[in-house]
Protein backbone atom coordinates (compact mmCIF):
# COMPACT_ATOMS: atom_id res chain seq x y z
CA UNK A 1 -35.41 20.71 23.12
CA UNK A 2 -33.54 17.71 21.55
CA UNK A 3 -35.47 18.03 18.32
CA UNK A 4 -35.02 21.85 17.92
CA UNK A 5 -31.37 21.81 19.10
CA UNK A 6 -30.61 18.98 16.57
CA UNK A 7 -32.34 20.86 13.72
CA UNK A 8 -31.00 24.28 14.74
CA UNK A 9 -27.35 22.93 14.72
CA UNK A 10 -27.57 21.38 11.41
CA UNK A 11 -29.25 24.39 9.84
CA UNK A 12 -26.79 26.69 11.31
CA UNK A 13 -23.99 24.85 9.05
CA UNK A 14 -25.78 26.16 6.03
CA UNK A 15 -27.11 29.61 7.02
CA UNK A 16 -27.66 31.03 3.50
CA UNK A 17 -29.16 27.93 1.90
CA UNK A 18 -32.87 28.78 0.95
CA UNK A 19 -36.35 27.86 1.31
CA UNK A 20 -38.69 28.72 -1.60
CA UNK A 21 -42.07 28.76 -2.81
CA UNK A 22 -43.37 30.61 -5.90
CA UNK A 23 -41.52 34.11 -5.70
CA UNK A 24 -41.03 33.84 -2.10
CA UNK A 25 -37.98 32.83 -0.17
CA UNK A 26 -36.43 32.78 3.51
CA UNK A 27 -32.94 31.44 4.25
CA UNK A 28 -32.25 29.00 6.90
CA UNK A 29 -30.83 32.03 9.06
CA UNK A 30 -33.84 33.67 8.81
CA UNK A 31 -35.91 30.56 9.48
CA UNK A 32 -34.21 29.97 12.75
CA UNK A 33 -34.90 33.60 13.85
CA UNK A 34 -38.44 33.49 12.59
CA UNK A 35 -39.09 30.00 14.41
CA UNK A 36 -37.79 31.24 17.79
CA UNK A 37 -39.61 34.61 17.64
CA UNK A 38 -42.85 33.11 16.72
CA UNK A 39 -42.66 30.38 19.53
CA UNK A 40 -42.96 32.92 22.25
CA UNK A 41 -46.69 33.24 20.72
CA UNK A 42 -47.33 29.68 21.61
CA UNK A 43 -46.42 30.06 25.29
CA UNK A 44 -49.00 28.06 27.16
CA UNK A 45 -50.38 25.91 24.27
CA UNK A 46 -49.69 22.17 24.64
CA UNK A 47 -50.93 21.00 21.09
CA UNK A 48 -51.11 23.40 18.00
CA UNK A 49 -52.86 22.27 14.73
CA UNK A 50 -51.10 23.56 11.65
CA UNK A 51 -53.53 24.41 8.40
CA UNK A 52 -52.13 26.64 5.95
CA UNK A 53 -52.64 27.19 2.10
CA UNK A 54 -49.08 27.60 1.79
CA UNK A 55 -46.69 24.48 2.52
CA UNK A 56 -43.79 27.06 3.13
CA UNK A 57 -45.85 28.35 5.78
CA UNK A 58 -46.67 25.31 7.16
CA UNK A 59 -43.13 24.72 7.38
CA UNK A 60 -42.42 27.92 9.41
CA UNK A 61 -45.22 26.95 11.89
CA UNK A 62 -43.98 23.58 12.39
CA UNK A 63 -40.45 24.64 13.22
CA UNK A 64 -41.90 27.17 15.67
CA UNK A 65 -43.75 24.43 17.28
CA UNK A 66 -40.71 22.43 17.71
CA UNK A 67 -38.96 25.53 19.16
CA UNK A 68 -41.53 26.04 21.53
CA UNK A 69 -41.70 22.43 22.60
CA UNK A 70 -45.36 22.64 21.49
CA UNK A 71 -46.79 19.33 20.07
CA UNK A 72 -47.52 19.91 16.21
CA UNK A 73 -50.49 18.43 14.63
CA UNK A 74 -50.31 19.07 10.87
CA UNK A 75 -53.25 19.28 8.88
CA UNK A 76 -53.98 19.62 4.97
CA UNK A 77 -56.55 21.60 3.25
CA UNK A 78 -55.95 19.61 -0.03
CA UNK A 79 -57.97 16.68 1.98
CA UNK A 80 -61.07 18.95 2.50
CA UNK A 81 -62.70 20.61 5.13
CA UNK A 82 -64.61 17.37 6.56
CA UNK A 83 -61.26 15.56 6.55
CA UNK A 84 -59.61 18.27 8.81
CA UNK A 85 -62.54 18.54 11.05
CA UNK A 86 -62.47 15.01 11.83
CA UNK A 87 -58.74 15.20 13.03
CA UNK A 88 -59.72 18.48 15.07
CA UNK A 89 -62.55 16.64 16.70
CA UNK A 90 -60.63 13.61 17.68
CA UNK A 91 -57.43 15.56 19.10
CA UNK A 92 -59.04 18.73 20.19
CA UNK A 93 -55.79 21.10 20.06
CA UNK A 94 -55.63 23.82 22.04
CA UNK A 95 -54.92 26.32 19.02
CA UNK A 96 -54.49 26.45 15.16
CA UNK A 97 -51.79 28.12 13.18
CA UNK A 98 -52.95 29.49 9.92
CA UNK A 99 -51.85 31.60 7.11
CA UNK A 100 -55.35 33.03 6.36
CA UNK A 101 -54.95 36.75 5.65
CA UNK A 102 -51.38 36.11 4.02
CA UNK A 103 -49.57 36.14 7.55
CA UNK A 104 -49.27 33.14 10.10
CA UNK A 105 -51.38 33.95 13.19
CA UNK A 106 -52.41 31.86 16.17
CA UNK A 107 -56.48 31.11 16.74
CA UNK A 108 -57.09 29.69 20.17
CA UNK A 109 -59.76 27.11 20.57
CA UNK A 110 -61.69 27.81 23.72
CA UNK A 111 -63.65 24.43 24.30
CA UNK A 112 -60.23 22.44 23.72
CA UNK A 113 -60.29 19.05 25.77
CA UNK A 114 -56.61 18.15 24.99
CA UNK A 115 -54.93 16.23 27.64
CA UNK A 116 -51.17 16.11 27.62
CA UNK A 117 -49.89 12.67 27.23
CA UNK A 118 -47.42 10.94 29.79
CA UNK A 119 -44.60 11.41 27.02
CA UNK A 120 -44.59 14.65 25.38
CA UNK A 121 -45.10 14.06 21.69
CA UNK A 122 -43.32 16.42 19.40
CA UNK A 123 -45.98 15.38 16.89
CA UNK A 124 -49.15 14.02 16.45
CA UNK A 125 -49.49 12.79 12.93
CA UNK A 126 -53.21 11.24 11.72
CA UNK A 127 -53.20 8.38 9.59
CA UNK A 128 -54.39 9.32 6.04
CA UNK A 129 -57.21 6.93 5.91
CA UNK A 130 -60.43 8.32 4.02
CA UNK A 131 -62.97 6.65 6.19
CA UNK A 132 -63.44 6.15 9.92
CA UNK A 133 -62.05 8.05 12.99
CA UNK A 134 -58.41 9.34 12.48
CA UNK A 135 -55.74 7.70 14.72
CA UNK A 136 -53.18 10.10 16.11
CA UNK A 137 -49.86 8.52 16.07
CA UNK A 138 -47.69 10.55 18.87
CA UNK A 139 -44.25 10.68 17.67
CA UNK A 140 -41.61 11.82 20.40
CA UNK A 141 -38.66 14.24 19.65
CA UNK A 142 -36.41 11.04 19.85
CA UNK A 143 -38.47 9.25 17.31
CA UNK A 144 -37.86 12.17 14.87
CA UNK A 145 -34.35 12.75 15.54
CA UNK A 146 -33.66 9.17 15.06
CA UNK A 147 -35.52 8.61 11.88
CA UNK A 148 -34.15 11.97 10.46
CA UNK A 149 -30.61 10.97 11.17
CA UNK A 150 -31.05 7.42 9.93
CA UNK A 151 -32.41 9.05 6.64
CA UNK A 152 -29.48 11.60 6.16
CA UNK A 153 -27.14 8.76 6.55
CA UNK A 154 -28.13 6.90 3.40
CA UNK A 155 -29.84 9.41 1.32
CA UNK A 156 -27.24 11.04 -1.29
CA UNK A 157 -28.58 14.55 -1.47
CA UNK A 158 -25.89 17.24 -1.09
CA UNK A 159 -25.95 20.80 -0.53
CA UNK A 160 -25.65 21.62 -4.00
CA UNK A 161 -29.06 19.96 -4.57
CA UNK A 162 -32.64 21.21 -4.92
CA UNK A 163 -35.75 19.38 -3.58
CA UNK A 164 -39.10 19.90 -4.91
CA UNK A 165 -41.53 19.16 -2.23
CA UNK A 166 -45.00 18.65 -4.02
CA UNK A 167 -47.27 16.88 -1.23
CA UNK A 168 -48.28 18.38 1.97
CA UNK A 169 -46.45 18.09 5.22
CA UNK A 170 -49.55 16.40 6.70
CA UNK A 171 -47.88 13.32 5.44
CA UNK A 172 -44.95 12.06 7.69
CA UNK A 173 -42.92 10.82 4.78
CA UNK A 174 -42.73 14.33 3.39
CA UNK A 175 -42.40 15.97 6.89
CA UNK A 176 -39.60 13.72 7.89
CA UNK A 177 -38.16 12.24 4.94
CA UNK A 178 -38.29 15.12 2.73
CA UNK A 179 -38.54 18.36 4.46
CA UNK A 180 -36.68 17.89 7.82
CA UNK A 181 -33.92 15.43 6.11
CA UNK A 182 -33.33 18.63 3.61
CA UNK A 183 -32.87 20.98 6.49
CA UNK A 184 -30.37 18.39 7.97
CA UNK A 185 -28.51 18.06 4.82
CA UNK A 186 -28.35 21.45 3.91
CA UNK A 187 -30.54 21.34 0.68
CA UNK A 188 -32.33 24.05 -1.09
CA UNK A 189 -36.04 23.52 -0.83
CA UNK A 190 -38.85 24.31 -3.04
CA UNK A 191 -42.49 24.01 -1.83
CA UNK A 192 -45.14 23.46 -4.57
CA UNK A 193 -48.60 23.93 -2.86
CA UNK A 194 -50.83 23.38 -5.85
CA UNK A 195 -53.02 20.40 -6.88
CA UNK A 196 -51.86 17.00 -8.28
CA UNK A 197 -50.86 17.58 -12.02
CA UNK A 198 -47.82 15.76 -13.51
CA UNK A 199 -47.42 18.09 -16.40
CA UNK A 200 -47.25 21.18 -13.86
CA UNK A 201 -44.54 19.18 -11.80
CA UNK A 202 -42.52 18.39 -14.84
CA UNK A 203 -42.30 22.25 -15.63
CA UNK A 204 -41.27 22.91 -12.23
CA UNK A 205 -38.52 20.31 -12.54
CA UNK A 206 -37.06 21.95 -15.37
CA UNK A 207 -37.73 25.77 -14.38
CA UNK A 208 -35.88 25.37 -11.15
CA UNK A 209 -33.29 22.88 -11.97
CA UNK A 210 -34.77 20.38 -9.56
CA UNK A 211 -32.42 17.50 -8.75
CA UNK A 212 -34.63 15.35 -5.98
CA UNK A 213 -38.08 14.44 -6.02
CA UNK A 214 -40.08 12.03 -4.00
CA UNK A 215 -43.52 10.76 -4.92
CA UNK A 216 -45.69 7.63 -5.14
CA UNK A 217 -45.24 5.11 -7.93
CA UNK A 218 -48.53 6.30 -9.32
CA UNK A 219 -47.46 10.01 -9.64
CA UNK A 220 -44.15 9.09 -10.93
CA UNK A 221 -45.49 6.90 -13.43
CA UNK A 222 -47.70 9.55 -14.84
CA UNK A 223 -44.88 11.74 -14.70
CA UNK A 224 -42.82 9.21 -16.85
CA UNK A 225 -45.48 9.12 -19.29
CA UNK A 226 -45.48 12.93 -20.05
CA UNK A 227 -41.80 13.49 -19.52
CA UNK A 228 -39.45 14.75 -22.39
CA UNK A 229 -35.74 14.73 -22.54
CA UNK A 230 -35.28 18.40 -21.21
CA UNK A 231 -36.54 17.39 -17.75
CA UNK A 232 -33.45 15.37 -17.29
CA UNK A 233 -32.06 17.41 -14.36
CA UNK A 234 -33.28 14.86 -11.56
CA UNK A 235 -30.16 13.07 -9.70
CA UNK A 236 -32.16 11.71 -6.88
CA UNK A 237 -35.67 9.99 -6.60
CA UNK A 238 -37.57 8.48 -3.67
CA UNK A 239 -40.57 6.08 -4.60
CA UNK A 240 -42.77 5.39 -1.33
CA UNK A 241 -46.56 5.23 -0.43
CA UNK A 242 -47.77 2.33 -2.35
CA UNK A 243 -46.64 -1.18 -3.52
CA UNK A 244 -44.90 -0.95 -6.85
CA UNK A 245 -44.54 -3.54 -9.54
CA UNK A 246 -41.06 -4.28 -11.17
CA UNK A 247 -42.56 -3.07 -14.52
CA UNK A 248 -43.64 0.21 -13.00
CA UNK A 249 -40.21 0.49 -11.31
CA UNK A 250 -38.76 -0.27 -14.63
CA UNK A 251 -40.50 2.53 -16.54
CA UNK A 252 -39.73 5.12 -14.07
CA UNK A 253 -36.06 4.31 -14.42
CA UNK A 254 -36.08 4.42 -18.32
CA UNK A 255 -37.91 7.77 -17.96
CA UNK A 256 -35.30 9.33 -15.57
CA UNK A 257 -32.05 7.80 -16.60
CA UNK A 258 -29.75 10.11 -14.67
CA UNK A 259 -31.23 9.65 -11.40
CA UNK A 260 -30.42 7.33 -8.46
CA UNK A 261 -33.80 5.73 -7.51
CA UNK A 262 -34.54 4.52 -3.94
CA UNK A 263 -37.57 2.42 -3.31
CA UNK A 264 -38.57 3.07 0.38
CA UNK A 265 -41.31 1.78 2.84
CA UNK A 266 -42.54 3.30 5.85
CA UNK A 267 -45.62 4.02 7.96
CA UNK A 268 -46.68 6.79 10.07
CA UNK A 269 -46.44 4.96 13.43
CA UNK A 270 -42.40 4.43 12.40
CA UNK A 271 -42.02 8.20 12.02
CA UNK A 272 -42.00 6.94 9.00
CA UNK A 273 -39.06 5.57 7.47
CA UNK A 274 -38.55 1.83 8.08
CA UNK A 275 -36.31 0.30 4.99
CA UNK A 276 -34.94 1.33 1.86
CA UNK A 277 -33.62 -0.03 -1.41
CA UNK A 278 -30.06 1.40 -2.35
CA UNK A 279 -30.32 2.73 -5.85
CA UNK A 280 -27.41 0.23 -6.92
CA UNK A 281 -29.92 -2.52 -6.31
CA UNK A 282 -32.82 -0.93 -7.92
CA UNK A 283 -32.37 -2.43 -11.51
CA UNK A 284 -32.53 -6.04 -10.41
CA UNK A 285 -35.10 -5.68 -7.26
CA UNK A 286 -37.25 -2.64 -8.25
CA UNK A 287 -40.18 -4.24 -6.55
CA UNK A 288 -38.38 -4.52 -3.38
CA UNK A 289 -38.01 -2.16 -0.43
CA UNK A 290 -34.67 -3.33 0.61
CA UNK A 291 -33.10 -3.16 4.00
CA UNK A 292 -33.73 -1.73 7.38
CA UNK A 293 -32.62 1.64 8.43
CA UNK A 294 -29.74 1.72 10.85
CA UNK A 295 -31.86 1.99 14.05
CA UNK A 296 -34.69 -0.40 12.86
CA UNK A 297 -35.30 -4.09 13.25
CA UNK A 298 -37.44 -6.28 11.28
CA UNK A 299 -39.34 -9.66 11.48
CA UNK A 300 -41.93 -11.15 9.52
CA UNK A 301 -44.41 -13.54 11.36
CA UNK A 302 -46.72 -16.28 10.33
CA UNK A 303 -50.11 -16.52 11.89
CA UNK A 304 -48.94 -19.08 14.25
CA UNK A 305 -46.62 -16.36 15.66
CA UNK A 306 -43.63 -18.15 14.33
CA UNK A 307 -40.90 -16.40 11.74
CA UNK A 308 -41.70 -17.19 8.23
CA UNK A 309 -39.09 -18.81 5.74
CA UNK A 310 -37.59 -17.04 2.90
CA UNK A 311 -40.31 -15.98 0.14
CA UNK A 312 -43.08 -16.94 2.59
CA UNK A 313 -45.93 -14.11 3.07
CA UNK A 314 -46.49 -13.03 6.96
CA UNK A 315 -47.18 -9.90 8.68
CA UNK A 316 -44.23 -7.44 9.00
CA UNK A 317 -43.15 -6.19 12.56
CA UNK A 318 -40.90 -3.25 13.00
CA UNK A 319 -38.64 -2.36 16.35
CA UNK A 320 -36.50 0.63 16.79
CA UNK A 321 -36.26 4.22 18.33
CA UNK A 322 -38.28 5.64 15.47
CA UNK A 323 -41.48 3.70 16.76
CA UNK A 324 -44.42 5.75 18.05
CA UNK A 325 -45.23 5.84 21.89
CA UNK A 326 -48.93 4.99 20.86
CA UNK A 327 -52.01 6.57 19.52
CA UNK A 328 -53.42 9.67 21.21
CA UNK A 329 -56.12 9.02 23.72
CA UNK A 330 -56.79 5.57 22.51
CA UNK A 331 -55.00 2.88 24.57
CA UNK A 332 -57.07 0.15 23.18
CA UNK A 333 -55.86 0.58 19.65
CA UNK A 334 -52.46 1.27 20.87
CA UNK A 335 -52.18 -2.37 22.53
CA UNK A 336 -53.42 -3.62 19.40
CA UNK A 337 -50.24 -2.75 17.39
CA UNK A 338 -47.60 -2.22 20.31
CA UNK A 339 -46.68 -5.48 21.83
CA UNK A 340 -43.15 -5.87 23.77
CA UNK A 341 -41.64 -2.88 21.99
CA UNK A 342 -42.57 -4.29 18.62
CA UNK A 343 -45.02 -2.39 15.97
CA UNK A 344 -47.16 -4.65 14.05
CA UNK A 345 -47.56 -2.73 10.59
CA UNK A 346 -50.66 -4.63 9.41
CA UNK A 347 -48.39 -5.02 6.15
CA UNK A 348 -48.16 -8.45 4.51
CA UNK A 349 -44.50 -8.85 3.51
CA UNK A 350 -41.63 -11.53 2.41
CA UNK A 351 -37.76 -11.77 2.51
CA UNK A 352 -36.18 -12.80 -0.53
CA UNK A 353 -32.98 -14.94 -0.86
CA UNK A 354 -30.83 -11.60 -0.62
CA UNK A 355 -32.41 -10.65 2.48
CA UNK A 356 -34.46 -7.77 0.89
CA UNK A 357 -37.89 -6.94 2.08
CA UNK A 358 -40.93 -6.90 -0.25
CA UNK A 359 -44.26 -5.63 0.74
CA UNK A 360 -47.12 -7.67 -0.61
CA UNK A 361 -50.01 -5.35 0.54
CA UNK A 362 -52.37 -4.60 3.50
CA UNK A 363 -53.24 -7.39 5.45
CA UNK A 364 -57.00 -6.04 5.66
CA UNK A 365 -56.89 -5.85 1.76
CA UNK A 366 -56.57 -9.48 1.48
CA UNK A 367 -59.57 -11.14 -0.48
CA UNK A 368 -60.44 -14.66 0.39
CA UNK A 369 -62.76 -16.17 -2.32
CA UNK A 370 -63.47 -19.84 -2.43
CA UNK A 371 -60.95 -20.66 0.07
CA UNK A 372 -58.14 -18.93 -1.79
CA UNK A 373 -56.04 -16.20 -0.56
CA UNK A 374 -55.84 -13.50 -3.45
CA UNK A 375 -53.41 -10.56 -2.85
CA UNK A 376 -54.59 -7.37 -4.52
CA UNK A 377 -51.11 -6.30 -5.21
CA UNK A 378 -50.21 -9.59 -6.88
CA UNK A 379 -52.92 -8.84 -9.42
CA UNK A 380 -52.11 -5.32 -9.92
CA UNK A 381 -48.25 -6.10 -10.56
CA UNK A 382 -49.47 -8.81 -13.40
CA UNK A 383 -51.87 -6.52 -15.09
CA UNK A 384 -49.26 -3.73 -14.95
CA UNK A 385 -46.86 -5.53 -16.95
CA UNK A 386 -48.93 -4.64 -20.08
CA UNK A 387 -47.70 -0.95 -21.17
CA UNK A 388 -51.49 -0.27 -21.98
CA UNK A 389 -52.15 -0.04 -18.21
CA UNK A 390 -51.88 3.42 -16.54
CA UNK A 391 -53.48 2.80 -13.37
CA UNK A 392 -54.94 -0.21 -11.75
CA UNK A 393 -56.55 -1.19 -8.40
CA UNK A 394 -58.01 -4.46 -7.13
CA UNK A 395 -60.48 -4.65 -4.21
CA UNK A 396 -62.95 -7.28 -2.67
CA UNK A 397 -66.44 -6.71 -2.17
CA UNK A 398 -68.73 -9.00 -0.15
CA UNK A 399 -72.49 -9.16 0.51
CA UNK A 400 -74.72 -12.02 1.57
CA UNK A 401 -76.39 -12.42 -1.80
CA UNK A 402 -73.22 -12.74 -4.23
CA UNK A 403 -70.62 -13.54 -1.90
CA UNK A 404 -67.11 -12.32 -2.30
CA UNK A 405 -66.52 -10.51 -5.81
CA UNK A 406 -63.14 -9.29 -7.01
CA UNK A 407 -63.36 -5.89 -8.45
CA UNK A 408 -60.90 -4.31 -10.89
CA UNK A 409 -60.82 -0.46 -11.29
CA UNK A 410 -58.44 0.20 -14.39
CA UNK A 411 -57.61 3.14 -16.35
CA UNK A 412 -55.57 2.59 -19.71
CA UNK A 413 -55.61 2.62 -23.33
CA UNK A 414 -58.63 0.46 -23.78
CA UNK A 415 -61.55 0.70 -26.23
CA UNK A 416 -64.05 -1.23 -24.02
CA UNK A 417 -64.17 -3.49 -21.19
CA UNK A 418 -63.93 -6.79 -23.45
CA UNK A 419 -60.03 -5.45 -24.17
CA UNK A 420 -59.66 -5.51 -20.34
CA UNK A 421 -61.44 -9.05 -19.98
CA UNK A 422 -58.86 -10.14 -22.76
CA UNK A 423 -55.76 -8.70 -20.96
CA UNK A 424 -57.06 -10.51 -17.64
CA UNK A 425 -57.09 -13.92 -19.57
CA UNK A 426 -53.61 -13.36 -20.54
CA UNK A 427 -52.07 -12.47 -17.44
CA UNK A 428 -54.36 -13.65 -14.52
CA UNK A 429 -54.78 -17.29 -13.28
CA UNK A 430 -58.53 -18.57 -13.02
CA UNK A 431 -58.85 -17.85 -9.42
CA UNK A 432 -57.78 -14.29 -9.85
CA UNK A 433 -60.00 -13.19 -12.57
CA UNK A 434 -62.08 -10.15 -11.64
CA UNK A 435 -66.00 -10.71 -11.32
CA UNK A 436 -66.69 -7.01 -12.13
CA UNK A 437 -64.47 -4.35 -14.22
CA UNK A 438 -64.82 -0.74 -14.14
CA UNK A 439 -63.06 1.03 -17.00
CA UNK A 440 -62.20 4.75 -15.95
CA UNK A 441 -60.45 7.63 -17.38
CA UNK A 442 -58.61 8.16 -14.10
CA UNK A 443 -58.66 6.54 -10.73
CA UNK A 444 -59.62 8.53 -7.68
CA UNK A 445 -56.29 9.73 -5.50
CA UNK A 446 -55.85 11.46 -2.28
CA UNK A 447 -53.95 14.75 -1.81
CA UNK A 448 -50.70 13.12 -2.23
CA UNK A 449 -51.43 11.29 -5.77
CA UNK A 450 -52.02 8.06 -4.09
CA UNK A 451 -54.76 5.75 -5.45
CA UNK A 452 -57.75 5.45 -3.20
CA UNK A 453 -58.54 1.75 -2.73
CA UNK A 454 -62.44 1.20 -2.29
CA UNK A 455 -63.96 -0.19 0.44
CA UNK A 456 -65.62 -3.45 0.75
CA UNK A 457 -62.69 -5.89 1.39
CA UNK A 458 -63.17 -9.34 2.38
C-alpha cells in the first residue's frame, strides 16, 4: 500500500482542492472516498485495464486500482480500437474499468491468462509505438513514489495553480509527471478529453485561468503560432516527448513570456522522468534536457562500452529507483535493456561543457548513407531555424534497388517543393540533403500531438 498511502497522505493536506472536466468536478476528499469504495469492487482482480472516454473517469479508476493494490493497465481510446486490442491481447488483464454508459463499472474478462509477476507492478505502461507488439513496462509502487517525489521537488507548481491535462493518462509522462504530481502538490486539475486542437487548448487556458501546461514541442509550437496576448496566464510550461531545437524553444518562450519553462526528458521504462532543465537555464540552453533528477544516475556510453568525452555522441544509460523491473512476460526484451541495474534508453545523447544532457535522437532512427552517420534530429533542427517551417520530420528509407534515401516530410509556408529544396541548400551540408521531399499541410500525429515518424530506417 506504499503508493496509495503516499498519495492519500498528500491529498489529505488539500481536501477541498478540485479535479474538473467540463462541468463536472470532484474534490480531493471525495476522490479519496470514491477510490477506497470502488476498490472493493476490484477484489480478486490482479490486473485491470482502464479504458474510459473521460480522462477524469480514468483518473478515478486509476486511483481505485492503487487503493486496491491491483495492477493498472491504462489504455486510450484516442489511439483507436486496434491499438487498444493489441495491448489487451499482449497483457490479457483480468478485467476492464470503463465509463461506458456514463458511470464507472468493471467488465470481467473470462479468458484472461494474466500471470502475476514475482514483483507486484502498480502499473503496466505500454510503450506508445505505432507498429509491432506492445512492450509492457512494469512499474512498481516504489518506482512511482520515487519519480513523483523527485518531480515534485523541482517543479514549481503551487496550491494556487491550475493545471490543464490535455493528453491521455495512457502516457506515463502525463500520469506521473502531471496528474500524480499535481495531486501531491495540491494543484487544481482540469482534464480535457477532446481531440488535438491548439485553438481549443488556447481557449481553455483563458477560460479557466490555467497556469500550468505540459505538451510536446510540436503541440506548444502550434499553440505559439495561434496565441494572442490574452492567453498570458501560464506560469509553468513543461516540454517533453520529442527532441526540440533551440529555435523552437525560443519561439515558445517568446509566445509565453510570463511562464517558467522546463525542458524535460524521460521514457516509459523510467516511470518516466529522467532529467529536467531548470527554467533559469532555458534561455541559454533551450535544446538541452538538463540535469538528472535527485534519484537518477546517468552515463553516455560509446559503442566500445567506454564513457564518451564532452560533446561526443553515445547511448544514454539510466539508473535509479525509478527504473522499471522489466517488461511483462518478456524476459528476452528485458535482458536487452536492463544490465547490472542500468537501463539502456536507446537514445543518442551528449553532455555539454556545463554538464547538461542533450538528446540527439533515437539510436534506431540513425540513417547511414555512404558511410556517413546522419542524425534526423540534426537535420530537423537546422531546417526549423527558418520561420516558414511549421513541422518537419526526417527518416531513412532503404531498399535493395535505390539504397538508402533521406526522406523529408515538411509542413510550412512554401508554395511548392522547389522552395523547400532551396531551403535545404541554404541550411544543410551536401551529405544531409534529402533524396525525397514530401510537402504536406500537416504531419501525422499520435494521440498526444507527437509527430509520428515513418518506418523504413536504415
